[in-house]
Protein backbone atom coordinates (compact mmCIF):
# COMPACT_ATOMS: atom_id res chain seq x y z
CA MET A 1 20.98 -3.79 -1.19
CA GLY A 2 18.86 -4.35 1.89
CA PHE A 3 18.52 -7.48 3.89
CA LEU A 4 16.58 -10.04 1.75
CA ILE A 5 14.34 -12.63 3.47
CA LYS A 6 12.84 -15.50 1.45
CA LEU A 7 9.30 -16.27 2.59
CA ALA A 8 7.82 -18.01 -0.47
CA GLY A 9 6.13 -21.29 0.28
CA LYS A 10 6.23 -20.95 4.08
CA GLU A 11 3.28 -21.13 6.44
CA LEU A 12 2.31 -17.93 8.23
CA LYS A 13 3.19 -19.41 11.63
CA ASP A 14 6.70 -20.11 10.36
CA ILE A 15 7.35 -16.51 9.31
CA GLU A 16 5.93 -14.57 12.23
CA VAL A 17 9.44 -13.66 13.46
CA TYR A 18 10.22 -12.02 10.09
CA LEU A 19 6.94 -10.14 10.05
CA LYS A 20 7.85 -8.75 13.48
CA ILE A 21 11.27 -7.67 12.14
CA ALA A 22 9.43 -5.88 9.30
CA VAL A 23 7.22 -4.10 11.84
CA GLU A 24 10.29 -3.02 13.85
CA ASN A 25 11.84 -1.67 10.68
CA ILE A 26 8.69 0.39 9.91
CA ILE A 27 8.48 1.75 13.41
CA GLU A 28 12.19 2.69 13.30
CA GLY A 29 11.60 4.73 10.13
CA LYS A 30 13.07 2.34 7.62
CA VAL A 31 11.88 1.42 4.08
CA ILE A 32 10.79 -2.12 3.29
CA ALA A 33 9.88 -3.98 0.07
CA PHE A 34 7.00 -6.44 0.19
CA PRO A 35 4.78 -8.66 -1.94
CA THR A 36 1.17 -7.86 -2.74
CA ASN A 37 -1.17 -9.89 -4.92
CA SER A 38 -0.36 -7.62 -7.79
CA VAL A 39 3.17 -6.21 -8.16
CA TYR A 40 5.79 -5.69 -5.46
CA GLY A 41 5.60 -2.62 -3.31
CA ILE A 42 7.98 -0.47 -1.27
CA GLY A 43 6.88 1.62 1.70
CA GLY A 44 7.19 2.71 5.25
CA SER A 45 5.49 4.78 7.92
CA PRO A 46 3.30 7.56 6.45
CA LEU A 47 3.70 9.49 9.71
CA ASN A 48 7.51 9.86 9.27
CA LEU A 49 8.54 12.70 6.89
CA ASN A 50 12.03 11.28 6.48
CA VAL A 51 10.45 8.07 5.14
CA VAL A 52 8.14 9.98 2.83
CA ASN A 53 10.99 11.97 1.36
CA LYS A 54 13.19 8.88 1.10
CA LEU A 55 10.45 7.09 -0.96
CA TYR A 56 10.21 10.04 -3.31
CA ASP A 57 14.01 9.94 -3.76
CA ILE A 58 14.22 6.18 -4.24
CA LYS A 59 11.64 6.21 -7.03
CA PHE A 60 12.76 9.52 -8.58
CA ARG A 61 9.13 10.46 -8.14
CA ASP A 62 7.62 13.90 -8.79
CA LYS A 63 6.63 15.36 -5.46
CA ALA A 64 3.45 16.65 -7.12
CA LYS A 65 2.28 13.02 -7.22
CA GLY A 66 1.19 11.71 -3.77
CA PHE A 67 1.32 8.17 -2.37
CA LEU A 68 -1.42 5.68 -1.63
CA LEU A 69 -1.68 3.89 1.73
CA LEU A 70 -2.25 0.26 2.60
CA VAL A 71 -4.32 -0.12 5.81
CA SER A 72 -4.99 -3.10 8.06
CA ASP A 73 -8.81 -2.77 8.16
CA PHE A 74 -11.76 -0.44 7.75
CA ALA A 75 -11.44 0.82 11.33
CA GLU A 76 -7.88 2.16 10.68
CA ALA A 77 -9.11 3.61 7.35
CA LEU A 78 -11.74 5.64 9.26
CA LYS A 79 -8.90 7.35 11.20
CA ILE A 80 -7.55 8.66 7.89
CA ALA A 81 -10.48 9.43 5.55
CA GLU A 82 -14.21 10.04 5.18
CA PHE A 83 -16.41 7.30 3.79
CA ASN A 84 -19.61 8.18 1.96
CA GLU A 85 -22.23 5.57 1.03
CA LEU A 86 -20.60 4.74 -2.27
CA ALA A 87 -17.24 4.09 -0.56
CA LYS A 88 -18.83 1.95 2.18
CA LYS A 89 -20.54 -0.23 -0.43
CA LEU A 90 -17.26 -0.80 -2.27
CA VAL A 91 -15.37 -1.52 0.99
CA LYS A 92 -17.88 -4.27 1.97
CA GLN A 93 -17.52 -5.97 -1.47
CA TYR A 94 -13.85 -5.47 -2.34
CA TRP A 95 -11.77 -5.12 0.84
CA PRO A 96 -9.43 -6.89 1.42
CA GLY A 97 -8.64 -6.88 -2.28
CA GLN A 98 -7.49 -5.22 -5.48
CA LEU A 99 -9.45 -1.98 -5.17
CA THR A 100 -7.96 1.35 -4.16
CA LEU A 101 -10.40 4.12 -3.14
CA ILE A 102 -9.70 7.85 -3.45
CA LEU A 103 -11.36 9.59 -0.44
CA LYS A 104 -11.45 12.91 1.30
CA LYS A 105 -8.92 13.14 4.11
CA ASN A 106 -10.23 13.70 7.63
CA GLU A 107 -9.59 17.22 8.88
CA PRO A 108 -7.49 17.74 10.88
CA SER A 109 -5.48 14.93 9.22
CA ILE A 110 -3.06 12.62 11.02
CA ILE A 111 -1.27 12.10 7.65
CA PRO A 112 1.34 14.73 6.77
CA PRO A 113 0.34 16.77 3.68
CA GLU A 114 3.59 15.72 1.86
CA VAL A 115 2.19 12.13 1.61
CA THR A 116 -0.65 13.30 -0.64
CA ALA A 117 1.30 16.06 -2.42
CA LEU A 118 -0.74 18.65 -0.46
CA LYS A 119 -4.05 17.37 -1.82
CA ASP A 120 -7.12 16.98 0.38
CA THR A 121 -7.76 13.41 -0.90
CA ILE A 122 -5.98 10.16 -0.25
CA GLY A 123 -5.92 6.67 -1.75
CA LEU A 124 -6.53 3.70 0.62
CA ARG A 125 -6.68 -0.06 0.21
CA VAL A 126 -6.81 -3.11 2.54
CA PRO A 127 -4.50 -5.63 0.76
CA GLU A 128 -5.35 -9.35 0.68
CA ASN A 129 -1.77 -10.64 0.56
CA GLU A 130 -1.31 -12.29 3.93
CA ILE A 131 2.32 -11.20 4.38
CA ILE A 132 1.68 -7.45 4.09
CA LEU A 133 -1.76 -7.66 5.69
CA ASN A 134 -0.39 -9.33 8.79
CA ILE A 135 2.40 -6.71 9.00
CA LEU A 136 -0.30 -4.04 9.02
CA LYS A 137 -2.25 -5.94 11.71
CA LEU A 138 0.89 -6.23 13.85
CA LEU A 139 1.59 -2.53 13.51
CA LYS A 140 -1.90 -1.81 14.81
CA LYS A 141 -1.48 -4.37 17.63
CA GLU A 142 1.78 -2.65 18.70
CA GLY A 143 -0.22 0.60 19.14
CA HIS A 144 0.87 2.28 15.92
CA LEU A 145 -1.28 3.35 12.97
CA GLY A 146 -2.03 0.13 11.00
CA ALA A 147 -1.04 1.77 7.69
CA ILE A 148 1.99 2.13 5.51
CA ILE A 149 2.82 3.97 2.27
CA GLY A 150 2.41 1.42 -0.48
CA THR A 151 3.96 2.40 -3.77
CA SER A 152 5.04 0.08 -6.61
CA ALA A 153 8.63 -1.12 -6.50
CA ASN A 154 10.14 0.65 -9.51
CA TYR A 155 11.62 3.88 -10.70
CA SER A 156 8.90 6.27 -11.82
CA GLY A 157 7.80 5.50 -15.39
CA GLU A 158 9.42 2.03 -15.46
CA PRO A 159 7.69 -1.42 -15.05
CA PRO A 160 7.22 -2.55 -11.45
CA CYS A 161 9.11 -5.47 -9.94
CA ILE A 162 7.27 -8.82 -9.58
CA SER A 163 9.67 -10.55 -7.18
CA GLY A 164 11.89 -9.77 -4.17
CA ASP A 165 14.93 -10.71 -6.20
CA GLY A 166 13.76 -8.26 -8.87
CA VAL A 167 13.59 -5.46 -6.25
CA ALA A 168 17.10 -6.30 -5.03
CA LYS A 169 18.54 -6.27 -8.53
CA LYS A 170 16.70 -3.32 -10.00
CA ILE A 171 16.48 -0.63 -7.31
CA LEU A 172 19.93 0.56 -6.43
CA SER A 173 18.93 2.98 -3.64
CA PRO A 174 19.11 1.32 -0.22
CA ILE A 175 15.93 -0.49 0.87
CA ASP A 176 16.44 -1.67 4.47
CA LEU A 177 14.46 -4.93 4.26
CA ILE A 178 13.14 -6.94 1.28
CA LEU A 179 10.54 -9.54 1.96
CA ASP A 180 10.48 -12.05 -0.93
CA GLY A 181 7.10 -13.84 -1.12
CA GLY A 182 7.81 -15.33 -4.57
CA LYS A 183 6.65 -14.07 -7.96
CA SER A 184 3.55 -11.84 -8.07
CA LYS A 185 0.27 -13.67 -8.79
CA SER A 186 -0.73 -10.89 -11.19
CA ARG A 187 1.14 -8.20 -13.02
CA LEU A 188 -1.98 -6.06 -13.21
CA PRO A 189 -2.09 -3.13 -10.81
CA THR A 190 -5.02 -2.38 -8.57
CA THR A 191 -8.15 -0.61 -9.90
CA ILE A 192 -8.47 2.93 -8.60
CA VAL A 193 -11.89 4.55 -8.06
CA ASP A 194 -12.49 8.10 -6.93
CA CYS A 195 -15.27 8.01 -4.33
CA THR A 196 -15.33 11.72 -3.48
CA THR A 197 -18.54 12.19 -5.50
CA VAL A 198 -21.91 10.40 -5.67
CA GLU A 199 -20.99 8.51 -8.84
CA PRO A 200 -17.73 6.50 -9.03
CA LYS A 201 -14.99 7.89 -11.17
CA PHE A 202 -12.50 5.34 -12.60
CA LEU A 203 -8.95 6.61 -12.46
CA ARG A 204 -7.17 3.37 -13.35
CA ILE A 205 -8.59 0.05 -14.55
CA GLY A 206 -6.52 -2.83 -13.14
CA LYS A 207 -7.32 -6.27 -11.73
CA ILE A 208 -11.04 -5.51 -11.19
CA PRO A 209 -12.87 -4.52 -14.42
CA GLU A 210 -14.97 -1.32 -14.50
CA GLU A 211 -17.97 -3.31 -15.75
CA GLU A 212 -17.90 -5.63 -12.68
CA ILE A 213 -17.88 -2.71 -10.26
CA LEU A 214 -20.71 -0.89 -12.08
CA GLU A 215 -22.80 -4.07 -12.20
CA PHE A 216 -22.29 -4.55 -8.45
CA LEU A 217 -23.32 -0.97 -7.74
CA SER A 218 -26.45 -1.20 -9.84
């Protein structure tokens, strides 16, 4: 088991030192577990191939299925992918939040092809959970890409963990650092929308209903 840090119920100013430790771990090529406003995630630097491979191994994940990225803000997302008018509209309304967008990768791409299983598209989201969002902002501030791989904390095909303790008990492969922000606010995953065409294509319905998004776009 990795080092478990309890952060639930604490003010942001009181946990800054732990967020910096998390950033150091990411920069050093380690894997961390973290809360989001849906289920818990595990991740690390998308620029480090050792980390990418380790995440596939930890989850027993098929390497034909790529990973999504969590990013600190729209400016960092622009370094990674192309945003058409549809994507820009959804970003303004739903980021930070529970919406993941599938976008065309920039070419040449700064993200190794293994992250996206050799596909020319990538999933991006700015999370609203203040623990992981502030880690992403700190990464950017330190001069690194403000992005990490964000994949659910579970073995492939099994239910995701909803607490830091759950991650520690369930996932037996070593995760270097587990940030426990308490139980997840929602067990619903994020909604995933493919924005590579003019019309939105819903790949997964999660926290945000399809009807709400279509109503907003109309």
